PDB file of N, CA and C in Angstrom:
ATOM      1  N   MET A   1      12.857  50.821  45.763  1.00  0.00           N
ATOM      2  CA  MET A   1      13.426  51.231  44.507  1.00  0.00           C
ATOM      3  C   MET A   1      14.893  50.819  44.449  1.00  0.00           C
ATOM      4  N   GLN A   2      15.305  50.329  43.318  1.00  0.00           N
ATOM      5  CA  GLN A   2      16.647  49.813  43.135  1.00  0.00           C
ATOM      6  C   GLN A   2      17.567  50.894  42.582  1.00  0.00           C
ATOM      7  N   SER A   3      18.725  51.092  43.221  1.00  0.00           N
ATOM      8  CA  SER A   3      19.711  52.056  42.742  1.00  0.00           C
ATOM      9  C   SER A   3      20.577  51.394  41.675  1.00  0.00           C
ATOM     10  N   MET A   4      20.684  52.016  40.479  1.00  0.00           N
ATOM     11  CA  MET A   4      21.492  51.457  39.412  1.00  0.00           C
ATOM     12  C   MET A   4      22.478  52.512  38.928  1.00  0.00           C
ATOM     13  N   ASP A   5      23.762  52.184  38.977  1.00  0.00           N
ATOM     14  CA  ASP A   5      24.820  53.086  38.550  1.00  0.00           C
ATOM     15  C   ASP A   5      25.574  52.448  37.389  1.00  0.00           C
ATOM     16  N   THR A   6      26.026  53.280  36.430  1.00  0.00           N
ATOM     17  CA  THR A   6      26.785  52.804  35.286  1.00  0.00           C
ATOM     18  C   THR A   6      28.226  53.269  35.409  1.00  0.00           C
ATOM     19  N   TYR A   7      29.151  52.378  35.136  1.00  0.00           N
ATOM     20  CA  TYR A   7      30.581  52.661  35.242  1.00  0.00           C
ATOM     21  C   TYR A   7      31.276  52.286  33.946  1.00  0.00           C
ATOM     22  N   ALA A   8      32.452  52.852  33.722  1.00  0.00           N
ATOM     23  CA  ALA A   8      33.285  52.497  32.575  1.00  0.00           C
ATOM     24  C   ALA A   8      34.614  51.969  33.105  1.00  0.00           C
ATOM     25  N   ALA A   9      35.188  51.022  32.383  1.00  0.00           N
ATOM     26  CA  ALA A   9      36.477  50.457  32.781  1.00  0.00           C
ATOM     27  C   ALA A   9      37.314  50.168  31.546  1.00  0.00           C
ATOM     28  N   THR A  10      38.616  50.269  31.712  1.00  0.00           N
ATOM     29  CA  THR A  10      39.560  49.885  30.672  1.00  0.00           C
ATOM     30  C   THR A  10      40.478  48.833  31.271  1.00  0.00           C
ATOM     31  N   VAL A  11      40.597  47.708  30.585  1.00  0.00           N
ATOM     32  CA  VAL A  11      41.469  46.624  31.030  1.00  0.00           C
ATOM     33  C   VAL A  11      42.640  46.560  30.059  1.00  0.00           C
ATOM     34  N   THR A  12      43.865  46.575  30.587  1.00  0.00           N
ATOM     35  CA  THR A  12      45.063  46.467  29.767  1.00  0.00           C
ATOM     36  C   THR A  12      45.793  45.181  30.115  1.00  0.00           C
ATOM     37  N   VAL A  13      46.093  44.394  29.086  1.00  0.00           N
ATOM     38  CA  VAL A  13      46.871  43.173  29.270  1.00  0.00           C
ATOM     39  C   VAL A  13      48.198  43.401  28.565  1.00  0.00           C
ATOM     40  N   ASP A  14      49.269  43.397  29.329  1.00  0.00           N
ATOM     41  CA  ASP A  14      50.599  43.659  28.782  1.00  0.00           C
ATOM     42  C   ASP A  14      51.174  42.383  28.169  1.00  0.00           C
ATOM     43  N   VAL A  15      52.293  42.533  27.490  1.00  0.00           N
ATOM     44  CA  VAL A  15      52.942  41.369  26.874  1.00  0.00           C
ATOM     45  C   VAL A  15      53.451  40.448  27.978  1.00  0.00           C
ATOM     46  N   PRO A  16      53.485  39.144  27.724  1.00  0.00           N
ATOM     47  CA  PRO A  16      53.948  38.217  28.760  1.00  0.00           C
ATOM     48  C   PRO A  16      55.444  38.389  29.027  1.00  0.00           C
ATOM     49  N   THR A  17      55.857  38.003  30.212  1.00  0.00           N
ATOM     50  CA  THR A  17      57.262  38.116  30.583  1.00  0.00           C
ATOM     51  C   THR A  17      58.037  36.849  30.255  1.00  0.00           C
ATOM     52  N   PHE A  18      57.399  35.894  29.616  1.00  0.00           N
ATOM     53  CA  PHE A  18      58.065  34.640  29.259  1.00  0.00           C
ATOM     54  C   PHE A  18      57.904  34.387  27.762  1.00  0.00           C
ATOM     55  N   GLN A  19      58.744  33.554  27.220  1.00  0.00           N
ATOM     56  CA  GLN A  19      58.776  33.271  25.788  1.00  0.00           C
ATOM     57  C   GLN A  19      57.498  32.567  25.316  1.00  0.00           C
ATOM     58  N   ARG A  20      57.017  32.975  24.153  1.00  0.00           N
ATOM     59  CA  ARG A  20      55.861  32.336  23.512  1.00  0.00           C
ATOM     60  C   ARG A  20      56.289  31.812  22.150  1.00  0.00           C
ATOM     61  N   GLU A  21      55.466  30.966  21.558  1.00  0.00           N
ATOM     62  CA  GLU A  21      55.743  30.431  20.228  1.00  0.00           C
ATOM     63  C   GLU A  21      55.793  31.565  19.203  1.00  0.00           C
ATOM     64  N   LEU A  22      56.774  31.565  18.330  1.00  0.00           N
ATOM     65  CA  LEU A  22      56.884  32.608  17.311  1.00  0.00           C
ATOM     66  C   LEU A  22      55.708  32.611  16.348  1.00  0.00           C
ATOM     67  N   LYS A  23      55.106  31.452  16.103  1.00  0.00           N
ATOM     68  CA  LYS A  23      53.966  31.403  15.178  1.00  0.00           C
ATOM     69  C   LYS A  23      52.783  32.227  15.698  1.00  0.00           C
ATOM     70  N   ASP A  24      52.711  32.454  17.015  1.00  0.00           N
ATOM     71  CA  ASP A  24      51.623  33.227  17.618  1.00  0.00           C
ATOM     72  C   ASP A  24      52.058  34.642  17.991  1.00  0.00           C
ATOM     73  N   LYS A  25      53.156  35.114  17.410  1.00  0.00           N
ATOM     74  CA  LYS A  25      53.737  36.402  17.802  1.00  0.00           C
ATOM     75  C   LYS A  25      52.736  37.549  17.749  1.00  0.00           C
ATOM     76  N   ASP A  26      51.873  37.595  16.732  1.00  0.00           N
ATOM     77  CA  ASP A  26      50.912  38.693  16.610  1.00  0.00           C
ATOM     78  C   ASP A  26      49.923  38.746  17.771  1.00  0.00           C
ATOM     79  N   LEU A  27      49.735  37.641  18.462  1.00  0.00           N
ATOM     80  CA  LEU A  27      48.789  37.603  19.576  1.00  0.00           C
ATOM     81  C   LEU A  27      49.369  38.173  20.864  1.00  0.00           C
ATOM     82  N   TRP A  28      50.684  38.229  20.973  1.00  0.00           N
ATOM     83  CA  TRP A  28      51.269  38.630  22.242  1.00  0.00           C
ATOM     84  C   TRP A  28      52.357  39.678  22.151  1.00  0.00           C
ATOM     85  N   SER A  29      52.628  40.243  20.995  1.00  0.00           N
ATOM     86  CA  SER A  29      53.755  41.156  20.850  1.00  0.00           C
ATOM     87  C   SER A  29      53.469  42.589  21.313  1.00  0.00           C
ATOM     88  N   LYS A  30      52.201  42.959  21.526  1.00  0.00           N
ATOM     89  CA  LYS A  30      51.845  44.323  21.955  1.00  0.00           C
ATOM     90  C   LYS A  30      50.809  44.254  23.077  1.00  0.00           C
ATOM     91  N   PRO A  31      50.827  45.245  23.965  1.00  0.00           N
ATOM     92  CA  PRO A  31      49.761  45.300  24.973  1.00  0.00           C
ATOM     93  C   PRO A  31      48.397  45.490  24.293  1.00  0.00           C
ATOM     94  N   VAL A  32      47.355  45.013  24.931  1.00  0.00           N
ATOM     95  CA  VAL A  32      46.003  45.114  24.392  1.00  0.00           C
ATOM     96  C   VAL A  32      45.120  45.822  25.412  1.00  0.00           C
ATOM     97  N   ASN A  33      44.298  46.761  24.933  1.00  0.00           N
ATOM     98  CA  ASN A  33      43.328  47.462  25.779  1.00  0.00           C
ATOM     99  C   ASN A  33      41.925  47.073  25.353  1.00  0.00           C
ATOM    100  N   ALA A  34      41.047  46.915  26.291  1.00  0.00           N
ATOM    101  CA  ALA A  34      39.630  46.685  26.003  1.00  0.00           C
ATOM    102  C   ALA A  34      38.826  47.604  26.908  1.00  0.00           C
ATOM    103  N   LYS A  35      37.822  48.253  26.349  1.00  0.00           N
ATOM    104  CA  LYS A  35      36.960  49.161  27.113  1.00  0.00           C
ATOM    105  C   LYS A  35      35.553  48.573  27.168  1.00  0.00           C
ATOM    106  N   PHE A  36      34.909  48.705  28.304  1.00  0.00           N
ATOM    107  CA  PHE A  36      33.541  48.234  28.431  1.00  0.00           C
ATOM    108  C   PHE A  36      32.828  49.032  29.510  1.00  0.00           C
ATOM    109  N   HIS A  37      31.520  48.955  29.500  1.00  0.00           N
ATOM    110  CA  HIS A  37      30.680  49.591  30.511  1.00  0.00           C
ATOM    111  C   HIS A  37      29.980  48.494  31.304  1.00  0.00           C
ATOM    112  N   PHE A  38      29.737  48.786  32.552  1.00  0.00           N
ATOM    113  CA  PHE A  38      28.989  47.824  33.362  1.00  0.00           C
ATOM    114  C   PHE A  38      28.073  48.573  34.314  1.00  0.00           C
ATOM    115  N   LYS A  39      27.042  47.886  34.745  1.00  0.00           N
ATOM    116  CA  LYS A  39      26.071  48.478  35.668  1.00  0.00           C
ATOM    117  C   LYS A  39      26.030  47.678  36.964  1.00  0.00           C
ATOM    118  N   LEU A  40      25.909  48.410  38.045  1.00  0.00           N
ATOM    119  CA  LEU A  40      25.743  47.807  39.361  1.00  0.00           C
ATOM    120  C   LEU A  40      24.396  48.228  39.919  1.00  0.00           C
ATOM    121  N   ALA A  41      23.703  47.288  40.521  1.00  0.00           N
ATOM    122  CA  ALA A  41      22.450  47.575  41.216  1.00  0.00           C
ATOM    123  C   ALA A  41      22.570  47.004  42.619  1.00  0.00           C
ATOM    124  N   ASN A  42      22.496  47.852  43.601  1.00  0.00           N
ATOM    125  CA  ASN A  42      22.629  47.438  45.001  1.00  0.00           C
ATOM    126  C   ASN A  42      23.911  46.646  45.231  1.00  0.00           C
ATOM    127  N   GLY A  43      25.000  47.078  44.603  1.00  0.00           N
ATOM    128  CA  GLY A  43      26.296  46.441  44.798  1.00  0.00           C
ATOM    129  C   GLY A  43      26.521  45.170  44.008  1.00  0.00           C
ATOM    130  N   LYS A  44      25.570  44.799  43.142  1.00  0.00           N
ATOM    131  CA  LYS A  44      25.720  43.567  42.354  1.00  0.00           C
ATOM    132  C   LYS A  44      25.827  43.906  40.876  1.00  0.00           C
ATOM    133  N   LEU A  45      26.691  43.199  40.188  1.00  0.00           N
ATOM    134  CA  LEU A  45      26.870  43.384  38.748  1.00  0.00           C
ATOM    135  C   LEU A  45      25.630  42.888  38.026  1.00  0.00           C
ATOM    136  N   THR A  46      25.013  43.768  37.206  1.00  0.00           N
ATOM    137  CA  THR A  46      23.776  43.383  36.543  1.00  0.00           C
ATOM    138  C   THR A  46      23.893  43.351  35.028  1.00  0.00           C
ATOM    139  N   GLU A  47      24.860  44.071  34.470  1.00  0.00           N
ATOM    140  CA  GLU A  47      24.973  44.145  33.019  1.00  0.00           C
ATOM    141  C   GLU A  47      26.391  44.547  32.651  1.00  0.00           C
ATOM    142  N   VAL A  48      26.955  43.916  31.599  1.00  0.00           N
ATOM    143  CA  VAL A  48      28.285  44.253  31.095  1.00  0.00           C
ATOM    144  C   VAL A  48      28.187  44.356  29.577  1.00  0.00           C
ATOM    145  N   SER A  49      28.733  45.451  29.015  1.00  0.00           N
ATOM    146  CA  SER A  49      28.732  45.605  27.579  1.00  0.00           C
ATOM    147  C   SER A  49      29.809  44.731  26.960  1.00  0.00           C
ATOM    148  N   GLN A  50      29.699  44.498  25.671  1.00  0.00           N
ATOM    149  CA  GLN A  50      30.724  43.754  24.960  1.00  0.00           C
ATOM    150  C   GLN A  50      31.973  44.635  24.892  1.00  0.00           C
ATOM    151  N   ALA A  51      33.126  44.043  25.107  1.00  0.00           N
ATOM    152  CA  ALA A  51      34.381  44.808  25.093  1.00  0.00           C
ATOM    153  C   ALA A  51      34.661  45.360  23.706  1.00  0.00           C
ATOM    154  N   SER A  52      35.212  46.576  23.669  1.00  0.00           N
ATOM    155  CA  SER A  52      35.619  47.173  22.397  1.00  0.00           C
ATOM    156  C   SER A  52      37.064  47.626  22.547  1.00  0.00           C
ATOM    157  N   ARG A  53      37.776  47.620  21.449  1.00  0.00           N
ATOM    158  CA  ARG A  53      39.192  48.024  21.499  1.00  0.00           C
ATOM    159  C   ARG A  53      39.371  49.407  20.966  1.00  0.00           C
TER     160      ARG A  53
END
């Protein structure tokens, strides 16, 4: 029988520490969080949900 556990994770990407193009300012001016769920079976990643903000 296969053991399957479900976990939740939040990934945060902070603003870069170097200059970016001003035309793309909206893409990098604030930190971004993404939440997703994933499942492990016998220590191996088997399923990942689509990230949501």
